[in-house]
Amino acid sequence: MGILSMVEDRPTPKEVYNWRIYLLAAVASFTSCMIGYDSAFIGTTLSLQSFKDEFDWASMSTATQNLVSANIVSCYQAGAFFGAFFAYPIGHFWGRKWGLLASALVFILGAGLMLGVNGDRGLGLLYAGRVLAGIGVGAGSNITPIYISELAPPAIRGRLVGVYELGWQIGGLVGFWINYGVSETLAPSHKQWIIPFAVQLIPAGLLLIGIVFVRESPRWLFLRGRREEAIKNLCWIRQIPEDHIYMMEEIGAIDQSIEAQRNTIGLGFWKPFKAVWTNKKILYRLFLGSMLFFWQNGSGINAINYYSPTVFKSIGLKGTNSSLLTTGIFGVVKTVVTFVWLLWLIDRVGRRNLLLIGAIGGSVCMWIIGAYIKIADPVNNNTQSLNGGGIAAIFFFYLWTAFYTPTWNGTPWVINSVSSPCCSTAD
């Protein structure tokens, strides 16, 4: 198989693989840019001296500083948790397009509140804004992979869902480098640390603009009984007429899939929840999907994203700018290997093999890093520069990134999206 080769379930006209399908996936994936940026920029922003000075960080004890940092991060995580739940009724009753629009609007409201934060007002607006931003990205992370998988042709479904992960890494890359840029070009001030907060509005604004071009998921329209609109949207996305044999087959496959779902799970709002407890196959499927994300997050990636400057300092790196630079390189490594994963690995190596390789390679790297920190104790054994062990630890940190990113970072999204009931046939 070549880099862009495809395995088709049936002969497919070349018109099906058109710019519209990629445009829809790219626009929807601005939600992942929002997530990636927010996950990356906050840790490095909190490490800026200008931020610390404005909120009188020096007057706080170390425990209080850690608590405030944890609260700023956890507010976002709590919002994302509830946002993912809120997205289900929105997506079910009002559609995927309205779900994407709602996530963008809530995120923009949260980002706007954060821009009102200053030393006089305190951190209240920051906490509130982080919660709302989390709700927005939680909803987006729920709806986007579903939307992309429902409109993607089977041969490129994995690749298009991978665009979602690519958007995440591009947003993260900007988030990791933004604070290094402002620290190098701007004097310490309110403006220096507020700019990274303002940049949040860019991917959300692009999503808001892009919604104009987004068509509602044909499958969702079929589910709601809006058949004519569904066929019209499907023809627009595929760029072939309704009477084409490929379209007739696809419409028939969707009808068959929906009928199968009606007879097994049911089509109502509560039916999937009921099916989980009455159908062992559905319960097992949910268990596997949930465990993939459990172990994805159990790898510690979120802690590394949020506290990457602190992680590098624990290895022995000195200086704020040095930790920001190494954090930026971490973002570059993640983005580069994501391209490799998207264009080559995901459809060539296989999903299961990727997870096995990533788990084994990443585990070895983390054991080596942990052993170095335990033995060398670089935080308490202050040195002016990194020794050989410290350099090796940073190397293995980047090697862990190269193992984790093209395996556990994106592959669970693809597995869950393309193996869901809505995508288990050729619809």
Protein backbone atom coordinates (compact mmCIF):
# COMPACT_ATOMS: atom_id res chain seq x y z
CA MET A 1 0.00 0.00 0.00
CA GLY A 2 1.19 3.51 -0.80
CA ILE A 3 0.86 6.51 1.47
CA LEU A 4 -2.48 7.62 0.02
CA SER A 5 -3.76 4.26 -1.22
CA MET A 6 -7.28 3.16 -0.29
CA VAL A 7 -9.08 -0.14 0.24
CA GLU A 8 -12.61 0.30 -1.11
CA ASP A 9 -15.64 -1.72 -0.05
CA ARG A 10 -17.01 -1.44 -3.60
CA PRO A 11 -16.07 0.34 -6.87
CA THR A 12 -16.19 4.05 -6.04
CA PRO A 13 -16.34 6.95 -8.54
CA LYS A 14 -13.41 9.31 -8.20
CA GLU A 15 -15.87 12.19 -7.71
CA VAL A 16 -16.67 10.82 -4.23
CA TYR A 17 -13.17 11.71 -2.99
CA ASN A 18 -13.66 15.41 -3.61
CA TRP A 19 -12.69 18.66 -1.92
CA ARG A 20 -16.06 19.03 -0.20
CA ILE A 21 -15.60 15.98 2.00
CA TYR A 22 -12.20 17.26 3.12
CA LEU A 23 -13.56 20.78 3.65
CA LEU A 24 -16.35 19.49 5.91
CA ALA A 25 -13.88 17.40 7.91
CA ALA A 26 -11.47 20.34 8.21
CA VAL A 27 -14.16 22.80 9.33
CA ALA A 28 -15.55 20.37 11.91
CA SER A 29 -12.01 19.73 13.14
CA PHE A 30 -11.61 23.33 14.23
CA THR A 31 -13.18 21.99 17.43
CA SER A 32 -10.06 19.89 17.92
CA CYS A 33 -7.89 22.96 17.24
CA MET A 34 -9.74 24.61 20.11
CA ILE A 35 -9.06 21.61 22.34
CA GLY A 36 -5.43 21.27 21.32
CA TYR A 37 -4.66 24.94 21.81
CA ASP A 38 -6.41 25.16 25.17
CA SER A 39 -4.67 22.04 26.43
CA ALA A 40 -1.26 23.37 25.43
CA PHE A 41 -1.17 27.09 26.11
CA ILE A 42 -2.47 27.23 29.67
CA GLY A 43 0.48 25.52 31.35
CA THR A 44 3.07 27.71 29.67
CA THR A 45 0.98 30.85 30.29
CA LEU A 46 0.87 30.13 34.01
CA SER A 47 4.66 29.83 33.98
CA LEU A 48 5.13 33.36 32.54
CA GLN A 49 6.58 35.74 35.11
CA SER A 50 4.24 38.51 33.96
CA PHE A 51 1.23 36.34 34.87
CA LYS A 52 2.71 35.49 38.24
CA ASP A 53 3.51 39.13 39.00
CA GLU A 54 0.01 40.37 38.13
CA PHE A 55 -1.62 37.90 40.50
CA ASP A 56 1.01 38.25 43.22
CA TRP A 57 2.23 34.69 42.91
CA ALA A 58 5.19 35.39 45.21
CA SER A 59 2.90 36.04 48.18
CA MET A 60 1.40 32.54 47.89
CA SER A 61 2.88 29.45 49.45
CA THR A 62 4.02 26.68 47.13
CA ALA A 63 0.97 24.65 48.12
CA THR A 64 -1.34 27.56 47.27
CA GLN A 65 0.36 28.12 43.93
CA ASN A 66 -0.08 24.45 43.06
CA LEU A 67 -3.73 24.56 44.16
CA VAL A 68 -4.51 27.63 42.04
CA SER A 69 -2.80 26.08 39.00
CA ALA A 70 -4.68 22.83 39.54
CA ASN A 71 -7.99 24.69 39.86
CA ILE A 72 -7.44 26.59 36.61
CA VAL A 73 -6.75 23.32 34.81
CA SER A 74 -9.45 21.25 36.51
CA CYS A 75 -12.21 23.82 35.84
CA TYR A 76 -11.61 23.24 32.15
CA GLN A 77 -11.64 19.46 32.59
CA ALA A 78 -14.87 19.59 34.59
CA GLY A 79 -16.52 21.71 31.90
CA ALA A 80 -15.37 19.29 29.19
CA PHE A 81 -16.83 16.36 31.15
CA PHE A 82 -20.29 17.93 31.28
CA GLY A 83 -20.00 19.34 27.76
CA ALA A 84 -19.56 15.84 26.36
CA PHE A 85 -22.81 14.81 28.08
CA PHE A 86 -24.72 17.91 26.92
CA ALA A 87 -23.66 17.22 23.34
CA TYR A 88 -25.64 14.00 23.15
CA PRO A 89 -29.16 15.52 23.41
CA ILE A 90 -28.13 18.43 21.16
CA GLY A 91 -26.76 16.09 18.51
CA HIS A 92 -29.72 13.73 18.82
CA PHE A 93 -32.55 16.27 18.65
CA TRP A 94 -31.07 19.25 16.77
CA GLY A 95 -28.36 17.67 14.64
CA ARG A 96 -24.60 17.61 14.27
CA LYS A 97 -24.38 21.02 12.61
CA TRP A 98 -26.21 22.76 15.44
CA GLY A 99 -24.07 20.86 17.92
CA LEU A 100 -20.91 22.22 16.30
CA LEU A 101 -22.36 25.72 16.29
CA ALA A 102 -23.32 25.48 19.97
CA SER A 103 -19.84 24.30 20.95
CA ALA A 104 -18.25 27.23 19.12
CA LEU A 105 -20.58 29.81 20.69
CA VAL A 106 -20.11 28.51 24.24
CA PHE A 107 -16.35 28.36 23.76
CA ILE A 108 -16.24 31.94 22.45
CA LEU A 109 -18.25 33.11 25.47
CA GLY A 110 -15.78 31.40 27.78
CA ALA A 111 -12.76 32.81 25.95
CA GLY A 112 -14.32 36.28 26.10
CA LEU A 113 -14.73 36.02 29.88
CA MET A 114 -11.06 35.10 30.23
CA LEU A 115 -10.06 38.28 28.43
CA GLY A 116 -11.64 40.27 31.26
CA VAL A 117 -9.23 38.83 33.83
CA ASN A 118 -6.70 41.11 35.54
CA GLY A 119 -5.01 41.53 38.87
CA ASP A 120 -7.72 43.81 40.29
CA ARG A 121 -10.64 41.52 39.39
CA GLY A 122 -8.88 38.37 40.52
CA LEU A 123 -9.16 34.91 39.00
CA GLY A 124 -12.96 34.48 39.18
CA LEU A 125 -13.54 35.31 35.51
CA LEU A 126 -10.72 32.97 34.56
CA TYR A 127 -12.34 30.08 36.41
CA ALA A 128 -15.76 30.81 34.86
CA GLY A 129 -14.28 31.19 31.39
CA ARG A 130 -12.35 27.95 31.70
CA VAL A 131 -15.53 26.09 32.66
CA LEU A 132 -17.42 27.45 29.64
CA ALA A 133 -14.50 26.79 27.30
CA GLY A 134 -14.39 23.25 28.64
CA ILE A 135 -18.10 22.77 27.98
CA GLY A 136 -17.55 23.96 24.41
CA VAL A 137 -14.63 21.64 23.69
CA GLY A 138 -16.29 18.73 25.49
CA ALA A 139 -19.31 19.07 23.22
CA GLY A 140 -17.08 19.43 20.17
CA SER A 141 -15.03 16.34 21.04
CA ASN A 142 -18.28 14.36 21.23
CA ILE A 143 -19.90 15.56 18.02
CA THR A 144 -17.01 16.04 15.58
CA PRO A 145 -15.78 12.43 15.19
CA ILE A 146 -19.39 11.25 14.88
CA TYR A 147 -20.14 13.87 12.23
CA ILE A 148 -17.02 13.07 10.21
CA SER A 149 -17.54 9.30 10.38
CA GLU A 150 -21.18 9.64 9.26
CA LEU A 151 -20.34 11.55 6.10
CA ALA A 152 -17.01 9.91 5.15
CA PRO A 153 -16.70 7.33 2.35
CA PRO A 154 -15.57 4.00 3.91
CA ALA A 155 -12.17 3.92 2.18
CA ILE A 156 -11.03 7.22 3.72
CA ARG A 157 -13.06 7.20 6.94
CA GLY A 158 -10.02 6.53 9.11
CA ARG A 159 -8.06 9.26 7.35
CA LEU A 160 -10.84 11.83 7.70
CA VAL A 161 -11.37 11.06 11.38
CA GLY A 162 -7.59 11.40 11.62
CA VAL A 163 -7.98 15.00 10.41
CA TYR A 164 -9.66 15.61 13.77
CA GLU A 165 -6.50 14.43 15.56
CA LEU A 166 -4.36 16.51 13.19
CA GLY A 167 -6.35 19.62 14.10
CA TRP A 168 -5.73 18.82 17.76
CA GLN A 169 -1.97 18.67 17.20
CA ILE A 170 -1.85 21.86 15.10
CA GLY A 171 -3.74 23.71 17.82
CA GLY A 172 -1.38 22.24 20.40
CA LEU A 173 1.68 23.24 18.38
CA VAL A 174 0.54 26.87 18.35
CA GLY A 175 -0.34 26.63 22.03
CA PHE A 176 3.08 25.32 22.99
CA TRP A 177 4.96 27.99 21.01
CA ILE A 178 2.78 31.04 21.66
CA ASN A 179 4.22 31.77 25.09
CA TYR A 180 7.80 31.30 23.94
CA GLY A 181 7.05 33.87 21.25
CA VAL A 182 5.55 36.45 23.58
CA SER A 183 8.28 35.90 26.18
CA GLU A 184 10.95 36.58 23.55
CA THR A 185 9.32 39.55 21.82
CA LEU A 186 7.32 41.38 24.50
CA ALA A 187 8.36 42.89 27.80
CA PRO A 188 6.67 41.40 30.89
CA SER A 189 3.24 43.03 31.11
CA HIS A 190 -0.50 42.34 31.13
CA LYS A 191 -0.39 42.33 27.33
CA GLN A 192 2.26 39.61 27.29
CA TRP A 193 0.17 36.97 29.02
CA ILE A 194 -3.29 38.05 27.77
CA ILE A 195 -2.35 37.52 24.10
CA PRO A 196 -2.28 33.69 24.45
CA PHE A 197 -5.78 33.87 25.95
CA ALA A 198 -6.98 36.01 23.03
CA VAL A 199 -5.63 33.56 20.44
CA GLN A 200 -8.25 31.05 21.66
CA LEU A 201 -10.81 33.04 19.68
CA ILE A 202 -9.15 32.26 16.33
CA PRO A 203 -10.03 28.54 15.89
CA ALA A 204 -13.48 29.08 17.42
CA GLY A 205 -14.07 32.02 15.08
CA LEU A 206 -12.95 29.97 12.08
CA LEU A 207 -15.39 27.23 13.10
CA LEU A 208 -18.16 29.79 13.37
CA ILE A 209 -17.38 31.10 9.87
CA GLY A 210 -16.98 27.59 8.46
CA ILE A 211 -20.41 26.52 9.75
CA VAL A 212 -21.83 28.45 6.77
CA PHE A 213 -20.37 25.76 4.48
CA VAL A 214 -21.25 22.77 6.65
CA ARG A 215 -24.06 20.47 5.54
CA GLU A 216 -26.03 18.47 8.06
CA SER A 217 -25.14 14.78 8.36
CA PRO A 218 -27.23 12.83 5.81
CA ARG A 219 -27.49 9.90 8.18
CA TRP A 220 -28.93 12.10 10.96
CA LEU A 221 -31.47 13.49 8.48
CA PHE A 222 -32.47 9.95 7.50
CA LEU A 223 -32.91 9.13 11.18
CA ARG A 224 -35.20 12.15 11.64
CA GLY A 225 -37.33 11.20 8.63
CA ARG A 226 -36.11 14.10 6.46
CA ARG A 227 -35.34 11.86 3.51
CA GLU A 228 -35.38 14.38 0.65
CA GLU A 229 -33.03 16.75 2.46
CA ALA A 230 -30.79 13.83 3.40
CA ILE A 231 -30.47 12.67 -0.21
CA LYS A 232 -29.86 16.23 -1.39
CA ASN A 233 -27.04 16.68 1.14
CA LEU A 234 -25.54 13.30 0.31
CA CYS A 235 -25.51 14.11 -3.41
CA TRP A 236 -23.86 17.47 -2.66
CA ILE A 237 -21.18 15.83 -0.54
CA ARG A 238 -20.50 12.98 -2.98
CA GLN A 239 -20.85 15.20 -6.10
CA ILE A 240 -22.75 12.52 -8.01
CA PRO A 241 -26.48 12.41 -8.90
CA GLU A 242 -29.14 10.51 -7.00
CA ASP A 243 -29.72 8.01 -9.81
CA HIS A 244 -26.05 6.95 -9.91
CA ILE A 245 -25.57 3.28 -8.96
CA TYR A 246 -23.14 4.23 -6.18
CA MET A 247 -25.69 6.61 -4.63
CA MET A 248 -28.46 4.03 -4.91
CA GLU A 249 -26.25 1.50 -3.12
CA GLU A 250 -25.26 3.96 -0.40
CA ILE A 251 -28.84 5.09 0.25
CA GLY A 252 -29.90 1.46 0.39
CA ALA A 253 -27.09 0.68 2.85
CA ILE A 254 -28.13 3.57 5.09
CA ASP A 255 -31.75 2.41 5.03
CA GLN A 256 -30.64 -1.12 5.87
CA SER A 257 -28.39 0.10 8.70
CA ILE A 258 -31.13 2.25 10.23
CA GLU A 259 -33.61 -0.61 10.01
CA ALA A 260 -31.12 -2.93 11.70
CA GLN A 261 -30.60 -0.36 14.43
CA ARG A 262 -34.37 -0.01 14.84
CA ASN A 263 -34.72 -3.77 15.32
CA THR A 264 -31.73 -4.25 17.65
CA ILE A 265 -31.01 -1.08 19.63
CA GLY A 266 -33.90 1.22 18.77
CA LEU A 267 -33.95 4.81 17.53
CA GLY A 268 -35.23 6.73 20.56
CA PHE A 269 -33.21 9.00 22.85
CA TRP A 270 -33.01 6.45 25.68
CA LYS A 271 -32.81 3.32 23.52
CA PRO A 272 -28.97 3.17 23.37
CA PHE A 273 -28.77 3.39 27.18
CA LYS A 274 -31.27 0.58 27.52
CA ALA A 275 -29.44 -1.51 24.93
CA VAL A 276 -26.20 -1.26 26.90
CA TRP A 277 -27.76 -3.17 29.80
CA THR A 278 -29.79 -5.63 27.76
CA ASN A 279 -27.40 -6.47 24.92
CA LYS A 280 -24.07 -8.00 25.95
CA LYS A 281 -22.47 -7.25 22.59
CA ILE A 282 -23.28 -3.53 22.90
CA LEU A 283 -22.07 -3.52 26.52
CA TYR A 284 -18.79 -5.16 25.49
CA ARG A 285 -18.39 -2.69 22.64
CA LEU A 286 -18.93 0.22 25.03
CA PHE A 287 -16.49 -1.32 27.50
CA LEU A 288 -13.74 -1.65 24.88
CA GLY A 289 -14.24 1.90 23.61
CA SER A 290 -14.27 3.33 27.12
CA MET A 291 -11.15 1.42 28.13
CA LEU A 292 -9.27 2.73 25.11
CA PHE A 293 -9.88 6.29 26.28
CA PHE A 294 -9.27 5.35 29.92
CA TRP A 295 -5.80 4.07 29.13
CA GLN A 296 -5.18 6.90 26.66
CA ASN A 297 -5.65 9.41 29.47
CA GLY A 298 -4.00 7.09 31.99
CA SER A 299 -0.77 7.52 30.04
CA GLY A 300 -0.43 10.96 31.64
CA ILE A 301 -0.67 12.92 28.40
CA ASN A 302 -2.98 15.56 29.86
CA ALA A 303 -0.66 16.17 32.79
CA ILE A 304 2.25 16.54 30.37
CA ASN A 305 0.28 18.90 28.13
CA TYR A 306 -0.83 21.13 31.00
CA TYR A 307 2.34 21.06 33.07
CA SER A 308 5.03 20.50 30.45
CA PRO A 309 7.29 23.34 31.74
CA THR A 310 7.13 21.79 35.21
CA VAL A 311 7.87 18.34 33.76
CA PHE A 312 11.00 19.60 32.04
CA LYS A 313 12.13 21.40 35.19
CA SER A 314 11.72 18.14 37.12
CA ILE A 315 14.19 16.56 34.69
CA GLY A 316 16.67 19.31 35.56
CA LEU A 317 16.12 22.02 32.94
CA LYS A 318 16.69 25.53 34.26
CA GLY A 319 15.11 28.84 33.21
CA THR A 320 11.59 29.70 32.07
CA ASN A 321 12.57 30.33 28.46
CA SER A 322 14.50 27.07 28.28
CA SER A 323 11.47 25.12 29.50
CA LEU A 324 9.22 26.99 27.05
CA LEU A 325 11.59 26.16 24.20
CA THR A 326 11.77 22.46 25.04
CA THR A 327 7.98 22.44 25.43
CA GLY A 328 7.69 23.97 21.96
CA ILE A 329 9.90 21.23 20.54
CA PHE A 330 7.62 18.70 22.25
CA GLY A 331 4.74 20.22 20.25
CA VAL A 332 6.73 19.99 17.01
CA VAL A 333 7.50 16.30 17.57
CA LYS A 334 3.80 15.58 18.26
CA THR A 335 2.68 17.36 15.10
CA VAL A 336 5.28 15.77 12.81
CA VAL A 337 4.56 12.21 13.92
CA THR A 338 0.82 12.90 13.67
CA PHE A 339 1.31 13.58 9.95
CA VAL A 340 3.19 10.28 9.66
CA TRP A 341 0.37 8.52 11.53
CA LEU A 342 -2.35 10.09 9.39
CA LEU A 343 -0.73 9.59 5.98
CA TRP A 344 0.89 6.22 6.46
CA LEU A 345 0.63 4.36 9.76
CA ILE A 346 -3.11 4.35 10.51
CA ASP A 347 -4.13 2.55 7.30
CA ARG A 348 -0.98 0.46 6.87
CA VAL A 349 0.16 -0.88 10.25
CA GLY A 350 -3.30 -1.48 11.67
CA ARG A 351 -5.07 -0.10 14.74
CA ARG A 352 -4.31 -2.93 17.16
CA ASN A 353 -0.63 -3.15 16.22
CA LEU A 354 -0.24 0.59 16.72
CA LEU A 355 -1.66 0.36 20.23
CA LEU A 356 0.66 -2.52 21.13
CA ILE A 357 3.75 -0.78 19.75
CA GLY A 358 2.88 2.49 21.48
CA ALA A 359 2.20 0.83 24.83
CA ILE A 360 5.46 -1.14 24.89
CA GLY A 361 7.72 1.61 23.53
CA GLY A 362 6.14 4.36 25.64
CA SER A 363 6.35 2.25 28.81
CA VAL A 364 10.06 1.61 28.37
CA CYS A 365 10.74 5.33 27.88
CA MET A 366 8.78 6.32 30.98
CA TRP A 367 10.51 3.72 33.13
CA ILE A 368 13.89 5.12 32.06
CA ILE A 369 12.82 8.72 32.77
CA GLY A 370 11.36 7.75 36.14
CA ALA A 371 14.52 5.87 37.10
CA TYR A 372 16.67 8.90 36.24
CA ILE A 373 14.52 11.28 38.30
CA LYS A 374 14.52 8.86 41.25
CA ILE A 375 18.29 8.31 41.23
CA ALA A 376 19.57 11.75 40.15
CA ASP A 377 16.87 13.81 41.96
CA PRO A 378 17.67 16.87 39.77
CA VAL A 379 15.21 19.18 41.59
CA ASN A 380 17.06 18.89 44.90
CA ASN A 381 20.53 18.48 43.41
CA ASN A 382 20.81 21.87 41.76
CA THR A 383 23.26 22.15 38.90
CA GLN A 384 23.83 25.01 36.49
CA SER A 385 23.48 22.86 33.40
CA LEU A 386 22.09 19.52 32.31
CA ASN A 387 24.39 16.55 32.75
CA GLY A 388 24.49 13.55 30.45
CA GLY A 389 21.72 11.83 32.35
CA GLY A 390 19.45 14.86 32.02
CA ILE A 391 20.06 15.08 28.29
CA ALA A 392 19.29 11.36 27.96
CA ALA A 393 16.08 11.83 29.98
CA ILE A 394 14.92 14.60 27.63
CA PHE A 395 15.78 12.39 24.66
CA PHE A 396 13.64 9.58 26.06
CA PHE A 397 10.86 12.07 26.76
CA TYR A 398 10.81 13.02 23.08
CA LEU A 399 11.09 9.35 22.13
CA TRP A 400 8.06 8.64 24.35
CA THR A 401 6.25 11.40 22.44
CA ALA A 402 7.18 9.73 19.15
CA PHE A 403 5.78 6.42 20.44
CA TYR A 404 2.63 7.80 22.05
CA THR A 405 1.41 10.35 19.51
CA PRO A 406 0.99 8.08 16.45
CA THR A 407 -0.51 5.30 18.56
CA TRP A 408 -2.56 6.02 21.67
CA ASN A 409 -3.09 9.70 21.00
CA GLY A 410 -5.24 9.40 17.88
CA THR A 411 -5.95 5.74 17.24
CA PRO A 412 -8.70 5.35 19.92
CA TRP A 413 -10.68 8.13 18.20
CA VAL A 414 -10.48 6.30 14.89
CA ILE A 415 -11.37 2.90 16.36
CA ASN A 416 -14.40 4.23 18.23
CA SER A 417 -15.64 6.35 15.34
CA VAL A 418 -15.35 3.79 12.56
CA SER A 419 -16.56 0.84 14.65
CA SER A 420 -19.67 2.53 16.03
CA PRO A 421 -23.06 1.08 15.03
CA CYS A 422 -23.65 3.96 12.58
CA CYS A 423 -20.53 3.03 10.64
CA SER A 424 -20.52 -0.74 10.86
CA THR A 425 -21.94 -1.05 7.36
CA ALA A 426 -21.13 0.74 4.13
CA ASP A 427 -23.25 3.76 5.03
